[in-house]
Amino acid sequence: MRDLIERLNGLPGIGIRSAERLAFHILKSDPAEAVALAGAIRAVKDSVRHCKVCFNLSDDDVCGICRDGRRDRSLICVVEQPKDLIALEQTGMYRGLFHVLMGRLSPLDGVGPEDLTVSHLVGRVRASQEAGAGDGRVRIEEILLGLNPTLEGDGTALYLAEELACFGVKVTRLARGVPTGSSLEFANKAVLADAIAGRQVMG
C-alpha cells in the first residue's frame, strides 16, 4: 500500500491525501476493476506513441488527423501539447492540420528550441515549399499559432514567427480578448488590453 500511495502521489496534481484515497479505493474495488485499470495503463504505454508527422498522440505511426484527406493541408495549427489539440478539435470549427511542439520555450527552465519539435515544423514548411504540381503535396499557406497566452507562449510565438518569416507563409495567432458570456468588470487588465488591440469592425 505504501508503494502504491507513493506512486500515485508522484502523479501531477495528486497530493498525499488524494493518493491515499485513490489507493484505498483501488484496494476496496472489485478485483476485475483494478486489473482493468492496470491493463489500461499498460496498454497506453505499449500502444500509444507520437505521430511521426505532427507529434499528436496516436496508436499508429501517423495519426488519424494527418491521414484524413478531408483536412485543409494548406493550414497548420501549432499547439504546445496534445491536450491543446484535443480542445481545439472539440470545437468542430478547425479543419486544418496540427503540429504539436511538445512544450514551449522557457529559458529559465532550460527549455530551448532544440528541446521542442521546432525543427520538424520548419522541415514540414520547407518540404511544402518544394511541392510540385503533380506530386500530390500541398503547399502550406498559413501557420496558425494556437499557443497559450502566457509570457512563455508569447515568446515561443515570436520565435516561431521569426523562424518561418523566410518561407513567405502567413503566420497568425488565435484571437484573444473578452470571453463570450462574461462581464467586463470581471476581466483582468491583460484580457481587456488584448480585446482592445484585437477589436473588430462591426457589420
N, C-alpha and C. Protein backbone atom coordinates (compact mmCIF):
# COMPACT_ATOMS: atom_id res chain seq x y z
N MET A 1 0.83 -1.20 0.00
CA MET A 1 0.00 0.00 0.00
C MET A 1 0.87 1.26 0.00
N ARG A 2 1.95 1.23 0.78
CA ARG A 2 2.84 2.39 0.84
C ARG A 2 3.42 2.70 -0.55
N ASP A 3 3.83 1.67 -1.26
CA ASP A 3 4.41 1.84 -2.59
C ASP A 3 3.37 2.42 -3.55
N LEU A 4 2.12 1.91 -3.48
CA LEU A 4 1.05 2.41 -4.36
C LEU A 4 0.76 3.87 -4.06
N ILE A 5 0.67 4.23 -2.80
CA ILE A 5 0.40 5.61 -2.41
C ILE A 5 1.51 6.54 -2.91
N GLU A 6 2.76 6.12 -2.75
CA GLU A 6 3.89 6.95 -3.19
C GLU A 6 3.87 7.14 -4.71
N ARG A 7 3.52 6.09 -5.44
CA ARG A 7 3.48 6.20 -6.91
C ARG A 7 2.32 7.10 -7.36
N LEU A 8 1.18 6.98 -6.71
CA LEU A 8 0.05 7.86 -7.03
C LEU A 8 0.36 9.30 -6.67
N ASN A 9 1.06 9.50 -5.55
CA ASN A 9 1.44 10.83 -5.11
C ASN A 9 2.41 11.50 -6.09
N GLY A 10 3.13 10.67 -6.86
CA GLY A 10 4.06 11.20 -7.85
C GLY A 10 3.39 11.72 -9.11
N LEU A 11 2.08 11.46 -9.27
CA LEU A 11 1.35 11.95 -10.44
C LEU A 11 1.06 13.44 -10.28
N PRO A 12 1.06 14.20 -11.38
CA PRO A 12 0.79 15.65 -11.28
C PRO A 12 -0.61 15.93 -10.74
N GLY A 13 -0.67 16.85 -9.78
CA GLY A 13 -1.96 17.25 -9.21
C GLY A 13 -2.50 16.32 -8.14
N ILE A 14 -1.77 15.27 -7.80
CA ILE A 14 -2.23 14.31 -6.78
C ILE A 14 -1.40 14.49 -5.51
N GLY A 15 -2.04 15.07 -4.49
CA GLY A 15 -1.38 15.23 -3.20
C GLY A 15 -1.41 13.93 -2.42
N ILE A 16 -0.79 13.94 -1.26
CA ILE A 16 -0.69 12.72 -0.45
C ILE A 16 -2.06 12.23 -0.01
N ARG A 17 -2.97 13.15 0.36
CA ARG A 17 -4.31 12.74 0.80
C ARG A 17 -5.09 12.12 -0.34
N SER A 18 -5.01 12.74 -1.53
CA SER A 18 -5.70 12.20 -2.70
C SER A 18 -5.13 10.83 -3.06
N ALA A 19 -3.81 10.71 -2.95
CA ALA A 19 -3.16 9.43 -3.26
C ALA A 19 -3.64 8.34 -2.31
N GLU A 20 -3.80 8.68 -1.03
CA GLU A 20 -4.29 7.70 -0.06
C GLU A 20 -5.72 7.28 -0.38
N ARG A 21 -6.58 8.26 -0.74
CA ARG A 21 -7.97 7.94 -1.08
C ARG A 21 -8.04 7.05 -2.31
N LEU A 22 -7.23 7.35 -3.32
CA LEU A 22 -7.21 6.52 -4.53
C LEU A 22 -6.72 5.11 -4.24
N ALA A 23 -5.68 5.02 -3.42
CA ALA A 23 -5.12 3.70 -3.08
C ALA A 23 -6.14 2.85 -2.35
N PHE A 24 -6.86 3.42 -1.39
CA PHE A 24 -7.86 2.66 -0.65
C PHE A 24 -9.07 2.33 -1.52
N HIS A 25 -9.39 3.22 -2.47
CA HIS A 25 -10.48 2.92 -3.40
C HIS A 25 -10.12 1.72 -4.26
N ILE A 26 -8.87 1.68 -4.75
CA ILE A 26 -8.41 0.56 -5.56
C ILE A 26 -8.42 -0.73 -4.73
N LEU A 27 -7.99 -0.64 -3.48
CA LEU A 27 -7.97 -1.81 -2.59
C LEU A 27 -9.37 -2.37 -2.38
N LYS A 28 -10.36 -1.48 -2.20
CA LYS A 28 -11.73 -1.91 -1.92
C LYS A 28 -12.51 -2.28 -3.17
N SER A 29 -12.04 -1.87 -4.34
CA SER A 29 -12.78 -2.11 -5.58
C SER A 29 -12.76 -3.58 -5.98
N ASP A 30 -13.64 -3.92 -6.90
CA ASP A 30 -13.71 -5.27 -7.44
C ASP A 30 -12.36 -5.63 -8.09
N PRO A 31 -11.85 -6.83 -7.87
CA PRO A 31 -10.56 -7.21 -8.47
C PRO A 31 -10.52 -7.00 -9.99
N ALA A 32 -11.62 -7.29 -10.66
CA ALA A 32 -11.65 -7.13 -12.12
C ALA A 32 -11.46 -5.67 -12.51
N GLU A 33 -12.04 -4.75 -11.71
CA GLU A 33 -11.91 -3.32 -12.00
C GLU A 33 -10.47 -2.86 -11.81
N ALA A 34 -9.81 -3.34 -10.76
CA ALA A 34 -8.42 -2.98 -10.51
C ALA A 34 -7.50 -3.52 -11.61
N VAL A 35 -7.76 -4.75 -12.04
CA VAL A 35 -6.96 -5.35 -13.11
C VAL A 35 -7.18 -4.61 -14.43
N ALA A 36 -8.44 -4.19 -14.68
CA ALA A 36 -8.76 -3.44 -15.90
C ALA A 36 -8.02 -2.10 -15.91
N LEU A 37 -7.93 -1.45 -14.73
CA LEU A 37 -7.19 -0.19 -14.63
C LEU A 37 -5.71 -0.42 -14.94
N ALA A 38 -5.14 -1.45 -14.37
CA ALA A 38 -3.73 -1.77 -14.63
C ALA A 38 -3.53 -2.10 -16.11
N GLY A 39 -4.48 -2.80 -16.70
CA GLY A 39 -4.39 -3.16 -18.12
C GLY A 39 -4.46 -1.93 -19.01
N ALA A 40 -5.32 -0.97 -18.63
CA ALA A 40 -5.45 0.25 -19.42
C ALA A 40 -4.15 1.06 -19.39
N ILE A 41 -3.51 1.10 -18.22
CA ILE A 41 -2.24 1.81 -18.09
C ILE A 41 -1.17 1.12 -18.94
N ARG A 42 -1.12 -0.20 -18.89
CA ARG A 42 -0.13 -0.94 -19.68
C ARG A 42 -0.39 -0.75 -21.17
N ALA A 43 -1.66 -0.77 -21.58
CA ALA A 43 -1.99 -0.62 -23.00
C ALA A 43 -1.58 0.74 -23.53
N VAL A 44 -1.77 1.79 -22.70
CA VAL A 44 -1.38 3.14 -23.10
C VAL A 44 0.13 3.21 -23.34
N LYS A 45 0.89 2.62 -22.42
CA LYS A 45 2.35 2.66 -22.55
C LYS A 45 2.84 1.80 -23.72
N ASP A 46 2.12 0.71 -24.01
CA ASP A 46 2.55 -0.20 -25.07
C ASP A 46 2.14 0.26 -26.46
N SER A 47 0.97 0.92 -26.58
CA SER A 47 0.44 1.18 -27.92
C SER A 47 0.36 2.64 -28.34
N VAL A 48 0.34 3.57 -27.39
CA VAL A 48 0.22 4.98 -27.75
C VAL A 48 1.59 5.60 -27.96
N ARG A 49 1.75 6.29 -29.09
CA ARG A 49 3.02 6.92 -29.44
C ARG A 49 2.73 8.29 -30.05
N HIS A 50 3.76 8.98 -30.47
CA HIS A 50 3.58 10.27 -31.12
C HIS A 50 3.60 10.09 -32.63
N CYS A 51 2.65 10.75 -33.29
CA CYS A 51 2.59 10.74 -34.75
C CYS A 51 3.92 11.26 -35.30
N LYS A 52 4.48 10.57 -36.28
CA LYS A 52 5.78 10.97 -36.82
C LYS A 52 5.71 12.23 -37.68
N VAL A 53 4.48 12.67 -38.00
CA VAL A 53 4.31 13.89 -38.79
C VAL A 53 4.07 15.10 -37.89
N CYS A 54 3.06 15.00 -37.01
CA CYS A 54 2.65 16.18 -36.23
C CYS A 54 2.89 16.06 -34.73
N PHE A 55 3.26 14.86 -34.24
CA PHE A 55 3.55 14.60 -32.82
C PHE A 55 2.29 14.57 -31.95
N ASN A 56 1.12 14.42 -32.59
CA ASN A 56 -0.10 14.15 -31.85
C ASN A 56 -0.01 12.74 -31.28
N LEU A 57 -0.83 12.42 -30.28
CA LEU A 57 -0.88 11.06 -29.76
C LEU A 57 -1.58 10.17 -30.77
N SER A 58 -1.06 8.96 -30.95
CA SER A 58 -1.61 8.06 -31.96
C SER A 58 -1.29 6.63 -31.60
N ASP A 59 -2.11 5.69 -32.10
CA ASP A 59 -1.80 4.27 -31.93
C ASP A 59 -1.16 3.71 -33.20
N ASP A 60 -0.80 4.60 -34.11
CA ASP A 60 -0.15 4.22 -35.36
C ASP A 60 0.98 5.21 -35.63
N ASP A 61 1.78 4.95 -36.64
CA ASP A 61 2.89 5.86 -36.95
C ASP A 61 2.40 7.24 -37.36
N VAL A 62 1.25 7.29 -38.05
CA VAL A 62 0.64 8.56 -38.47
C VAL A 62 -0.76 8.63 -37.89
N CYS A 63 -1.10 9.76 -37.26
CA CYS A 63 -2.39 9.89 -36.58
C CYS A 63 -3.54 10.03 -37.58
N GLY A 64 -4.76 9.88 -37.08
CA GLY A 64 -5.95 9.96 -37.92
C GLY A 64 -6.14 11.32 -38.56
N ILE A 65 -5.74 12.38 -37.89
CA ILE A 65 -5.90 13.73 -38.45
C ILE A 65 -4.99 13.91 -39.65
N CYS A 66 -3.74 13.47 -39.52
CA CYS A 66 -2.80 13.60 -40.65
C CYS A 66 -3.21 12.72 -41.83
N ARG A 67 -3.88 11.59 -41.55
CA ARG A 67 -4.30 10.69 -42.62
C ARG A 67 -5.59 11.14 -43.30
N ASP A 68 -6.35 12.01 -42.63
CA ASP A 68 -7.67 12.42 -43.13
C ASP A 68 -7.53 13.29 -44.38
N GLY A 69 -7.95 12.79 -45.52
CA GLY A 69 -7.85 13.51 -46.78
C GLY A 69 -8.78 14.69 -46.89
N ARG A 70 -9.74 14.80 -45.95
CA ARG A 70 -10.69 15.93 -46.00
C ARG A 70 -10.17 17.17 -45.29
N ARG A 71 -9.03 17.06 -44.59
CA ARG A 71 -8.49 18.22 -43.87
C ARG A 71 -7.82 19.18 -44.85
N ASP A 72 -7.82 20.47 -44.46
CA ASP A 72 -7.17 21.51 -45.25
C ASP A 72 -5.66 21.43 -44.99
N ARG A 73 -4.91 20.91 -45.95
CA ARG A 73 -3.50 20.66 -45.77
C ARG A 73 -2.65 21.90 -45.99
N SER A 74 -3.28 23.01 -46.37
CA SER A 74 -2.54 24.27 -46.54
C SER A 74 -2.47 25.06 -45.24
N LEU A 75 -3.13 24.56 -44.19
CA LEU A 75 -3.22 25.25 -42.90
C LEU A 75 -2.75 24.34 -41.78
N ILE A 76 -1.79 24.83 -40.97
CA ILE A 76 -1.30 24.07 -39.83
C ILE A 76 -1.45 24.91 -38.56
N CYS A 77 -2.09 24.33 -37.55
CA CYS A 77 -2.22 24.98 -36.25
C CYS A 77 -1.16 24.40 -35.32
N VAL A 78 -0.33 25.28 -34.75
CA VAL A 78 0.74 24.85 -33.85
C VAL A 78 0.25 24.99 -32.40
N VAL A 79 0.34 23.91 -31.64
CA VAL A 79 -0.08 23.91 -30.24
C VAL A 79 1.06 23.41 -29.37
N GLU A 80 0.94 23.65 -28.07
CA GLU A 80 2.01 23.26 -27.16
C GLU A 80 1.97 21.78 -26.82
N GLN A 81 0.78 21.25 -26.55
CA GLN A 81 0.64 19.87 -26.09
C GLN A 81 -0.54 19.18 -26.79
N PRO A 82 -0.56 17.83 -26.82
CA PRO A 82 -1.69 17.12 -27.41
C PRO A 82 -3.04 17.50 -26.80
N LYS A 83 -3.06 17.85 -25.51
CA LYS A 83 -4.33 18.23 -24.87
C LYS A 83 -4.89 19.52 -25.47
N ASP A 84 -4.01 20.41 -25.95
CA ASP A 84 -4.46 21.64 -26.61
C ASP A 84 -5.10 21.30 -27.96
N LEU A 85 -4.52 20.33 -28.65
CA LEU A 85 -5.08 19.86 -29.92
C LEU A 85 -6.48 19.31 -29.70
N ILE A 86 -6.64 18.52 -28.66
CA ILE A 86 -7.95 17.92 -28.36
C ILE A 86 -8.98 19.00 -28.10
N ALA A 87 -8.60 20.04 -27.35
CA ALA A 87 -9.53 21.13 -27.03
C ALA A 87 -9.99 21.84 -28.30
N LEU A 88 -9.07 22.09 -29.24
CA LEU A 88 -9.43 22.77 -30.49
C LEU A 88 -10.27 21.86 -31.37
N GLU A 89 -9.98 20.58 -31.39
CA GLU A 89 -10.76 19.63 -32.19
C GLU A 89 -12.19 19.54 -31.70
N GLN A 90 -12.40 19.64 -30.39
CA GLN A 90 -13.73 19.51 -29.82
C GLN A 90 -14.65 20.66 -30.21
N THR A 91 -14.09 21.77 -30.68
CA THR A 91 -14.94 22.89 -31.11
C THR A 91 -15.61 22.58 -32.44
N GLY A 92 -15.00 21.70 -33.25
CA GLY A 92 -15.54 21.38 -34.56
C GLY A 92 -15.39 22.50 -35.57
N MET A 93 -14.65 23.55 -35.22
CA MET A 93 -14.51 24.73 -36.07
C MET A 93 -13.23 24.73 -36.90
N TYR A 94 -12.29 23.86 -36.55
CA TYR A 94 -10.99 23.88 -37.23
C TYR A 94 -10.86 22.64 -38.10
N ARG A 95 -10.51 22.82 -39.38
CA ARG A 95 -10.42 21.70 -40.31
C ARG A 95 -9.04 21.57 -40.96
N GLY A 96 -8.04 22.23 -40.41
CA GLY A 96 -6.69 22.10 -40.94
C GLY A 96 -5.93 20.99 -40.24
N LEU A 97 -4.61 20.99 -40.42
CA LEU A 97 -3.74 20.03 -39.75
C LEU A 97 -3.14 20.66 -38.49
N PHE A 98 -2.38 19.88 -37.75
CA PHE A 98 -1.78 20.36 -36.50
C PHE A 98 -0.28 20.08 -36.47
N HIS A 99 0.38 20.76 -35.54
CA HIS A 99 1.76 20.43 -35.19
C HIS A 99 1.90 20.67 -33.69
N VAL A 100 2.32 19.64 -32.95
CA VAL A 100 2.46 19.72 -31.50
C VAL A 100 3.93 19.97 -31.15
N LEU A 101 4.20 21.07 -30.46
CA LEU A 101 5.58 21.43 -30.10
C LEU A 101 6.14 20.58 -28.97
N MET A 102 5.26 19.96 -28.19
CA MET A 102 5.67 19.20 -27.00
C MET A 102 6.29 20.11 -25.94
N GLY A 103 5.73 21.31 -25.81
CA GLY A 103 6.19 22.25 -24.80
C GLY A 103 6.23 23.66 -25.34
N ARG A 104 6.96 24.52 -24.66
CA ARG A 104 7.12 25.91 -25.07
C ARG A 104 8.49 26.39 -24.62
N LEU A 105 8.99 27.40 -25.27
CA LEU A 105 10.30 27.95 -24.90
C LEU A 105 10.24 28.52 -23.49
N SER A 106 11.21 28.17 -22.68
CA SER A 106 11.28 28.68 -21.31
C SER A 106 12.74 28.70 -20.89
N PRO A 107 13.45 29.79 -21.23
CA PRO A 107 14.88 29.88 -20.91
C PRO A 107 15.20 29.67 -19.43
N LEU A 108 14.32 30.14 -18.55
CA LEU A 108 14.58 29.99 -17.12
C LEU A 108 14.55 28.52 -16.70
N ASP A 109 13.79 27.70 -17.43
CA ASP A 109 13.72 26.27 -17.13
C ASP A 109 14.66 25.46 -18.01
N GLY A 110 15.45 26.16 -18.82
CA GLY A 110 16.40 25.47 -19.69
C GLY A 110 15.78 24.81 -20.90
N VAL A 111 14.58 25.26 -21.31
CA VAL A 111 13.91 24.69 -22.48
C VAL A 111 14.14 25.60 -23.68
N GLY A 112 14.91 25.09 -24.64
CA GLY A 112 15.20 25.85 -25.86
C GLY A 112 14.55 25.21 -27.07
N PRO A 113 14.73 25.79 -28.24
CA PRO A 113 14.14 25.26 -29.48
C PRO A 113 14.51 23.80 -29.75
N GLU A 114 15.73 23.42 -29.36
CA GLU A 114 16.18 22.05 -29.61
C GLU A 114 15.45 21.03 -28.75
N ASP A 115 14.77 21.49 -27.70
CA ASP A 115 14.02 20.59 -26.82
C ASP A 115 12.58 20.41 -27.31
N LEU A 116 12.19 21.17 -28.31
CA LEU A 116 10.84 21.10 -28.87
C LEU A 116 10.90 20.52 -30.28
N THR A 117 9.76 20.47 -30.95
CA THR A 117 9.72 19.92 -32.31
C THR A 117 9.74 21.03 -33.35
N VAL A 118 10.42 22.13 -33.04
CA VAL A 118 10.50 23.28 -33.94
C VAL A 118 11.14 22.90 -35.27
N SER A 119 12.23 22.13 -35.22
CA SER A 119 12.92 21.77 -36.46
C SER A 119 12.03 20.94 -37.37
N HIS A 120 11.17 20.10 -36.78
CA HIS A 120 10.24 19.30 -37.58
C HIS A 120 9.19 20.19 -38.24
N LEU A 121 8.73 21.22 -37.52
CA LEU A 121 7.77 22.16 -38.10
C LEU A 121 8.40 22.90 -39.27
N VAL A 122 9.60 23.40 -39.08
CA VAL A 122 10.31 24.10 -40.15
C VAL A 122 10.52 23.17 -41.34
N GLY A 123 10.82 21.91 -41.04
CA GLY A 123 11.00 20.93 -42.10
C GLY A 123 9.73 20.68 -42.89
N ARG A 124 8.59 20.65 -42.21
CA ARG A 124 7.31 20.47 -42.90
C ARG A 124 7.03 21.63 -43.84
N VAL A 125 7.28 22.85 -43.35
CA VAL A 125 7.04 24.03 -44.18
C VAL A 125 8.00 24.05 -45.36
N ARG A 126 9.27 23.76 -45.10
CA ARG A 126 10.27 23.75 -46.18
C ARG A 126 9.90 22.72 -47.25
N ALA A 127 9.50 21.52 -46.83
CA ALA A 127 9.13 20.47 -47.79
C ALA A 127 7.93 20.88 -48.62
N SER A 128 6.98 21.60 -48.00
CA SER A 128 5.78 22.02 -48.74
C SER A 128 6.12 23.07 -49.79
N GLN A 129 7.17 23.85 -49.53
CA GLN A 129 7.58 24.87 -50.49
C GLN A 129 8.15 24.23 -51.76
N GLU A 130 8.65 23.00 -51.60
CA GLU A 130 9.25 22.30 -52.73
C GLU A 130 8.24 21.42 -53.46
N ALA A 131 6.97 21.48 -53.01
CA ALA A 131 5.93 20.64 -53.62
C ALA A 131 5.73 21.01 -55.08
N GLY A 132 5.66 19.98 -55.92
CA GLY A 132 5.42 20.19 -57.35
C GLY A 132 3.96 20.02 -57.69
N ALA A 133 3.58 20.47 -58.86
CA ALA A 133 2.17 20.42 -59.26
C ALA A 133 1.63 19.00 -59.35
N GLY A 134 2.48 18.03 -59.67
CA GLY A 134 1.98 16.68 -59.87
C GLY A 134 2.38 15.67 -58.81
N ASP A 135 3.00 16.11 -57.71
CA ASP A 135 3.46 15.13 -56.72
C ASP A 135 2.48 14.90 -55.58
N GLY A 136 1.32 15.55 -55.61
CA GLY A 136 0.28 15.30 -54.61
C GLY A 136 0.44 16.07 -53.32
N ARG A 137 1.55 16.76 -53.14
CA ARG A 137 1.75 17.54 -51.92
C ARG A 137 1.12 18.91 -52.06
N VAL A 138 0.66 19.44 -50.94
CA VAL A 138 0.00 20.75 -50.93
C VAL A 138 0.91 21.76 -50.23
N ARG A 139 1.02 22.92 -50.80
CA ARG A 139 1.85 23.98 -50.23
C ARG A 139 1.18 24.54 -48.97
N ILE A 140 1.92 24.68 -47.89
CA ILE A 140 1.40 25.27 -46.66
C ILE A 140 1.33 26.78 -46.84
N GLU A 141 0.14 27.35 -46.67
CA GLU A 141 -0.06 28.78 -46.88
C GLU A 141 -0.14 29.56 -45.58
N GLU A 142 -0.58 28.89 -44.49
CA GLU A 142 -0.77 29.61 -43.22
C GLU A 142 -0.39 28.74 -42.04
N ILE A 143 0.30 29.35 -41.08
CA ILE A 143 0.61 28.72 -39.80
C ILE A 143 -0.17 29.48 -38.73
N LEU A 144 -1.10 28.79 -38.08
CA LEU A 144 -1.90 29.38 -37.01
C LEU A 144 -1.27 28.99 -35.67
N LEU A 145 -0.83 29.98 -34.91
CA LEU A 145 -0.18 29.72 -33.63
C LEU A 145 -1.24 29.65 -32.53
N GLY A 146 -1.55 28.44 -32.10
CA GLY A 146 -2.54 28.22 -31.05
C GLY A 146 -1.87 28.02 -29.71
N LEU A 147 -0.98 28.93 -29.35
CA LEU A 147 -0.21 28.81 -28.11
C LEU A 147 -0.92 29.51 -26.97
N ASN A 148 -0.61 29.08 -25.76
CA ASN A 148 -1.25 29.66 -24.58
C ASN A 148 -0.84 31.13 -24.40
N PRO A 149 -1.79 31.98 -23.98
CA PRO A 149 -1.49 33.41 -23.81
C PRO A 149 -0.72 33.70 -22.53
N THR A 150 0.50 33.17 -22.46
CA THR A 150 1.38 33.38 -21.31
C THR A 150 2.66 34.03 -21.81
N LEU A 151 3.52 34.42 -20.88
CA LEU A 151 4.80 35.02 -21.25
C LEU A 151 5.62 34.05 -22.11
N GLU A 152 5.65 32.78 -21.69
CA GLU A 152 6.40 31.78 -22.45
C GLU A 152 5.74 31.51 -23.79
N GLY A 153 4.40 31.47 -23.81
CA GLY A 153 3.67 31.24 -25.05
C GLY A 153 3.89 32.35 -26.04
N ASP A 154 3.88 33.59 -25.55
CA ASP A 154 4.13 34.74 -26.42
C ASP A 154 5.56 34.73 -26.96
N GLY A 155 6.52 34.35 -26.11
CA GLY A 155 7.91 34.28 -26.54
C GLY A 155 8.11 33.19 -27.59
N THR A 156 7.43 32.06 -27.40
CA THR A 156 7.50 30.97 -28.37
C THR A 156 6.89 31.39 -29.70
N ALA A 157 5.76 32.10 -29.64
CA ALA A 157 5.09 32.57 -30.86
C ALA A 157 5.99 33.53 -31.63
N LEU A 158 6.65 34.44 -30.93
CA LEU A 158 7.55 35.40 -31.57
C LEU A 158 8.72 34.68 -32.22
N TYR A 159 9.28 33.70 -31.54
CA TYR A 159 10.40 32.93 -32.09
C TYR A 159 9.98 32.19 -33.36
N LEU A 160 8.80 31.54 -33.32
CA LEU A 160 8.33 30.79 -34.48
C LEU A 160 8.05 31.71 -35.67
N ALA A 161 7.47 32.88 -35.38
CA ALA A 161 7.19 33.83 -36.46
C ALA A 161 8.48 34.25 -37.16
N GLU A 162 9.53 34.44 -36.39
CA GLU A 162 10.83 34.82 -36.96
C GLU A 162 11.44 33.67 -37.76
N GLU A 163 11.31 32.44 -37.25
CA GLU A 163 11.86 31.27 -37.94
C GLU A 163 11.15 31.00 -39.26
N LEU A 164 9.85 31.31 -39.32
CA LEU A 164 9.05 31.00 -40.50
C LEU A 164 8.98 32.15 -41.50
N ALA A 165 9.52 33.31 -41.12
CA ALA A 165 9.41 34.51 -41.97
C ALA A 165 10.02 34.30 -43.35
N CYS A 166 11.11 33.53 -43.42
CA CYS A 166 11.81 33.37 -44.70
C CYS A 166 11.06 32.51 -45.70
N PHE A 167 10.00 31.83 -45.25
CA PHE A 167 9.27 30.95 -46.15
C PHE A 167 8.09 31.64 -46.84
N GLY A 168 7.76 32.83 -46.39
CA GLY A 168 6.67 33.56 -47.02
C GLY A 168 5.28 33.04 -46.69
N VAL A 169 5.15 32.22 -45.64
CA VAL A 169 3.82 31.76 -45.24
C VAL A 169 3.19 32.79 -44.30
N LYS A 170 1.87 32.84 -44.30
CA LYS A 170 1.17 33.74 -43.39
C LYS A 170 1.17 33.13 -41.99
N VAL A 171 1.59 33.90 -41.00
CA VAL A 171 1.61 33.43 -39.61
C VAL A 171 0.57 34.21 -38.82
N THR A 172 -0.39 33.50 -38.24
CA THR A 172 -1.47 34.14 -37.49
C THR A 172 -1.51 33.57 -36.07
N ARG A 173 -2.29 34.24 -35.20
CA ARG A 173 -2.49 33.76 -33.83
C ARG A 173 -3.96 33.68 -33.53
N LEU A 174 -4.32 32.85 -32.58
CA LEU A 174 -5.72 32.80 -32.14
C LEU A 174 -6.11 34.15 -31.56
N ALA A 175 -7.36 34.55 -31.81
CA ALA A 175 -7.84 35.82 -31.26
C ALA A 175 -7.88 35.75 -29.74
N ARG A 176 -7.65 36.90 -29.11
CA ARG A 176 -7.68 36.97 -27.66
C ARG A 176 -8.53 38.15 -27.24
N GLY A 177 -9.11 38.06 -26.07
CA GLY A 177 -9.93 39.17 -25.59
C GLY A 177 -10.98 38.71 -24.60
N VAL A 178 -12.09 39.45 -24.53
CA VAL A 178 -13.15 39.17 -23.56
C VAL A 178 -13.92 37.91 -23.98
N PRO A 179 -13.99 36.88 -23.12
CA PRO A 179 -14.73 35.67 -23.47
C PRO A 179 -16.22 35.94 -23.63
N THR A 180 -16.86 35.23 -24.53
CA THR A 180 -18.30 35.35 -24.73
C THR A 180 -19.04 34.96 -23.45
N GLY A 181 -20.00 35.78 -23.07
CA GLY A 181 -20.82 35.49 -21.90
C GLY A 181 -20.27 36.05 -20.60
N SER A 182 -19.10 36.69 -20.65
CA SER A 182 -18.51 37.24 -19.42
C SER A 182 -18.79 38.73 -19.32
N SER A 183 -18.46 39.31 -18.18
CA SER A 183 -18.68 40.74 -17.94
C SER A 183 -17.34 41.47 -17.89
N LEU A 184 -17.32 42.71 -18.39
CA LEU A 184 -16.09 43.50 -18.40
C LEU A 184 -15.54 43.72 -17.00
N GLU A 185 -16.44 43.86 -16.03
CA GLU A 185 -15.99 44.18 -14.68
C GLU A 185 -15.15 43.05 -14.06
N PHE A 186 -15.31 41.82 -14.59
CA PHE A 186 -14.57 40.70 -14.03
C PHE A 186 -13.33 40.34 -14.86
N ALA A 187 -13.12 41.05 -15.96
CA ALA A 187 -11.96 40.76 -16.81
C ALA A 187 -10.73 41.49 -16.27
N ASN A 188 -9.57 40.83 -16.33
CA ASN A 188 -8.35 41.50 -15.85
C ASN A 188 -7.79 42.42 -16.93
N LYS A 189 -6.76 43.18 -16.57
CA LYS A 189 -6.20 44.19 -17.47
C LYS A 189 -5.64 43.58 -18.74
N ALA A 190 -4.97 42.42 -18.61
CA ALA A 190 -4.37 41.79 -19.78
C ALA A 190 -5.43 41.36 -20.79
N VAL A 191 -6.53 40.81 -20.30
CA VAL A 191 -7.62 40.38 -21.18
C VAL A 191 -8.23 41.59 -21.89
N LEU A 192 -8.46 42.67 -21.14
CA LEU A 192 -9.05 43.86 -21.74
C LEU A 192 -8.09 44.51 -22.74
N ALA A 193 -6.79 44.49 -22.44
CA ALA A 193 -5.81 45.05 -23.36
C ALA A 193 -5.80 44.28 -24.68
N ASP A 194 -5.88 42.93 -24.59
CA ASP A 194 -5.94 42.11 -25.79
C ASP A 194 -7.21 42.38 -26.59
N ALA A 195 -8.32 42.59 -25.87
CA ALA A 195 -9.60 42.84 -26.53
C ALA A 195 -9.57 44.17 -27.28
N ILE A 196 -8.96 45.19 -26.68
CA ILE A 196 -8.87 46.49 -27.34
C ILE A 196 -7.96 46.42 -28.57
N ALA A 197 -6.81 45.74 -28.41
CA ALA A 197 -5.86 45.63 -29.51
C ALA A 197 -6.45 44.80 -30.67
N GLY A 198 -7.28 43.83 -30.35
CA GLY A 198 -7.84 42.96 -31.39
C GLY A 198 -9.26 43.31 -31.76
N ARG A 199 -9.67 44.55 -31.55
CA ARG A 199 -11.06 44.95 -31.85
C ARG A 199 -11.37 44.75 -33.34
N GLN A 200 -12.65 44.49 -33.63
CA GLN A 200 -13.07 44.20 -35.00
C GLN A 200 -14.16 45.18 -35.46
N VAL A 201 -14.24 45.32 -36.78
CA VAL A 201 -15.26 46.20 -37.37
C VAL A 201 -16.61 45.52 -37.30
N MET A 202 -17.64 46.23 -36.93
CA MET A 202 -19.00 45.69 -36.88
C MET A 202 -19.59 45.67 -38.28
N GLY A 203 -20.33 44.62 -38.59
CA GLY A 203 -21.06 44.57 -39.85
C GLY A 203 -20.26 44.02 -41.00
